[in-house]
Amino acid sequence: MSFSSETQTLPVPAQASVLIARVARVVRQRFEQVLLPLGLSQRDVIALSYLRGHGPTPQQLLAERLRLDASSMVCLLNDLEESELVVRRRDRADRRRAIVQLSDMGERTLREVDAAVEVVEQEMLTGLDPEERSTLHRLLSRLHCGFTED
């Protein structure tokens, strides 16, 4: 799949947010395609990636960071725990709190995800030279930091 062919058939929107939304839709579809053989959803990968980057995290904080309500968080973690990708344990300091951490299998699975995502990224950025890729990454990181808490 080539990302450049789609952009050639659509007029370029004047607003950056519309352009970002169009690109995001295409990337998300391709991302879901490469995750399918791994049995994961985009939501699964976001949760696992957060845990890889932040380490063991209280379940409530994880829900806040992922912007999920408590019941959705429980469903997500039940699925990830059943797949042996995360481990939940009680906080020794406060037995009412659950701490969630990535399992060894979760670590291995994320390495597979990284390889699959690299394929999508290479497809998406095929028309950009290394300097442009670096600039895009830097700008997206700044945007991301502007609306996240971590």
Protein backbone atom coordinates (compact mmCIF):
# COMPACT_ATOMS: atom_id res chain seq x y z
CA MET A 1 0.00 0.00 0.00
CA SER A 2 1.35 3.38 -0.93
CA PHE A 3 0.39 6.42 1.04
CA SER A 4 1.44 8.81 -1.69
CA SER A 5 -1.17 7.51 -4.17
CA GLU A 6 -4.03 8.45 -1.85
CA THR A 7 -2.73 11.97 -1.31
CA GLN A 8 -2.49 12.51 -5.07
CA THR A 9 -6.21 11.80 -5.59
CA LEU A 10 -7.49 14.03 -2.78
CA PRO A 11 -7.23 17.83 -2.78
CA VAL A 12 -4.98 19.10 0.01
CA PRO A 13 -7.15 20.72 2.69
CA ALA A 14 -6.40 24.24 3.85
CA GLN A 15 -6.65 23.38 7.55
CA ALA A 16 -3.87 21.38 9.18
CA SER A 17 -6.34 19.57 11.44
CA VAL A 18 -8.27 18.23 8.45
CA LEU A 19 -5.05 17.08 6.81
CA ILE A 20 -3.91 15.42 10.04
CA ALA A 21 -7.29 13.67 10.34
CA ARG A 22 -7.03 12.32 6.79
CA VAL A 23 -3.50 11.06 7.28
CA ALA A 24 -4.44 9.59 10.68
CA ARG A 25 -7.34 7.65 9.15
CA VAL A 26 -5.10 6.03 6.54
CA VAL A 27 -2.34 5.28 9.04
CA ARG A 28 -4.83 3.85 11.54
CA GLN A 29 -6.31 1.50 8.92
CA ARG A 30 -2.86 0.25 7.95
CA PHE A 31 -1.82 0.01 11.60
CA GLU A 32 -4.84 -2.17 12.34
CA GLN A 33 -3.95 -4.40 9.39
CA VAL A 34 -0.45 -5.10 10.69
CA LEU A 35 -1.73 -5.67 14.24
CA LEU A 36 -4.39 -8.16 13.19
CA PRO A 37 -1.99 -11.15 12.85
CA LEU A 38 -0.69 -10.34 16.35
CA GLY A 39 -4.21 -10.46 17.79
CA LEU A 40 -3.97 -6.92 19.10
CA SER A 41 -5.97 -3.75 18.75
CA GLN A 42 -4.61 -0.24 18.60
CA ARG A 43 -5.96 0.31 22.14
CA ASP A 44 -4.01 -2.74 23.36
CA VAL A 45 -0.79 -1.41 21.86
CA ILE A 46 -1.28 2.04 23.35
CA ALA A 47 -1.75 0.55 26.82
CA LEU A 48 1.22 -1.79 26.47
CA SER A 49 3.42 0.99 25.11
CA TYR A 50 2.48 3.27 27.99
CA LEU A 51 3.50 0.56 30.47
CA ARG A 52 6.78 -0.03 28.62
CA GLY A 53 7.58 3.68 28.82
CA HIS A 54 6.41 4.33 32.38
CA GLY A 55 6.85 1.02 34.19
CA PRO A 56 4.41 -0.39 36.75
CA THR A 57 1.46 1.99 36.99
CA PRO A 58 -1.56 2.23 39.28
CA GLN A 59 -4.64 1.08 37.38
CA GLN A 60 -6.52 4.33 38.03
CA LEU A 61 -3.61 6.44 36.74
CA LEU A 62 -3.35 4.23 33.66
CA ALA A 63 -7.06 4.80 32.96
CA GLU A 64 -6.56 8.56 33.31
CA ARG A 65 -3.53 8.62 31.02
CA LEU A 66 -5.30 6.52 28.38
CA ARG A 67 -8.50 8.54 28.82
CA LEU A 68 -10.60 5.46 29.58
CA ASP A 69 -13.43 5.15 32.06
CA ALA A 70 -13.04 2.60 34.86
CA SER A 71 -15.19 -0.12 33.27
CA SER A 72 -13.43 0.16 29.89
CA MET A 73 -10.08 -0.01 31.68
CA VAL A 74 -11.12 -3.17 33.52
CA CYS A 75 -12.25 -4.81 30.25
CA LEU A 76 -9.01 -3.86 28.52
CA LEU A 77 -6.86 -5.14 31.37
CA ASN A 78 -8.88 -8.35 31.66
CA ASP A 79 -8.15 -9.07 27.99
CA LEU A 80 -4.46 -8.16 28.28
CA GLU A 81 -4.09 -10.20 31.46
CA GLU A 82 -5.86 -13.19 29.90
CA SER A 83 -3.40 -12.96 27.00
CA GLU A 84 -0.57 -12.86 29.58
CA LEU A 85 0.64 -9.48 28.29
CA VAL A 86 0.22 -7.65 31.62
CA VAL A 87 0.23 -8.54 35.28
CA ARG A 88 -1.99 -6.88 37.88
CA ARG A 89 -1.06 -7.02 41.53
CA ARG A 90 -2.23 -5.30 44.68
CA ASP A 91 -0.26 -2.30 45.90
CA ARG A 92 1.41 -3.30 49.18
CA ALA A 93 0.98 0.24 50.53
CA ASP A 94 -2.74 0.37 49.67
CA ARG A 95 -4.39 -3.00 49.10
CA ARG A 96 -7.34 -1.30 47.36
CA ARG A 97 -5.10 -0.19 44.49
CA ALA A 98 -4.02 -2.40 41.62
CA ILE A 99 -0.63 -1.94 39.99
CA VAL A 100 -0.37 -2.92 36.33
CA GLN A 101 2.89 -3.90 34.70
CA LEU A 102 4.05 -5.35 31.44
CA SER A 103 4.79 -9.08 31.54
CA ASP A 104 7.74 -10.75 29.82
CA MET A 105 5.34 -11.89 27.10
CA GLY A 106 4.09 -8.30 26.79
CA GLU A 107 7.69 -7.14 26.25
CA ARG A 108 8.22 -9.76 23.54
CA THR A 109 4.92 -8.88 21.89
CA LEU A 110 5.81 -5.19 21.83
CA ARG A 111 9.03 -6.03 19.98
CA GLU A 112 6.87 -7.73 17.31
CA VAL A 113 4.59 -4.69 17.27
CA ASP A 114 7.61 -2.42 16.82
CA ALA A 115 8.65 -4.36 13.72
CA ALA A 116 5.11 -4.24 12.29
CA VAL A 117 4.75 -0.53 13.01
CA GLU A 118 8.11 0.14 11.37
CA VAL A 119 6.67 -1.28 8.13
CA VAL A 120 3.73 1.17 8.34
CA GLU A 121 6.03 4.06 9.15
CA GLN A 122 8.30 3.29 6.21
CA GLU A 123 5.25 3.15 3.91
CA MET A 124 3.83 6.37 5.30
CA LEU A 125 7.07 8.33 5.11
CA THR A 126 8.33 6.97 1.81
CA GLY A 127 8.12 10.39 0.12
CA LEU A 128 10.16 12.16 2.81
CA ASP A 129 13.93 12.41 3.04
CA PRO A 130 15.67 11.75 6.40
CA GLU A 131 15.72 15.44 7.37
CA GLU A 132 12.00 15.81 6.62
CA ARG A 133 11.26 12.66 8.63
CA SER A 134 13.19 14.09 11.56
CA THR A 135 11.35 17.41 11.30
CA LEU A 136 7.97 15.65 11.14
CA HIS A 137 8.80 13.55 14.20
CA ARG A 138 9.94 16.62 16.13
CA LEU A 139 6.78 18.57 15.24
CA LEU A 140 4.46 15.67 16.06
CA SER A 141 6.24 15.20 19.39
CA ARG A 142 5.69 18.87 20.21
CA LEU A 143 2.02 18.59 19.30
CA HIS A 144 1.67 15.46 21.40
CA CYS A 145 3.32 17.08 24.41
CA GLY A 146 0.94 20.00 24.12
CA PHE A 147 -2.12 17.90 24.91
CA THR A 148 -0.83 15.07 27.09
CA GLU A 149 0.15 14.93 30.71
CA ASP A 150 3.07 12.50 30.41
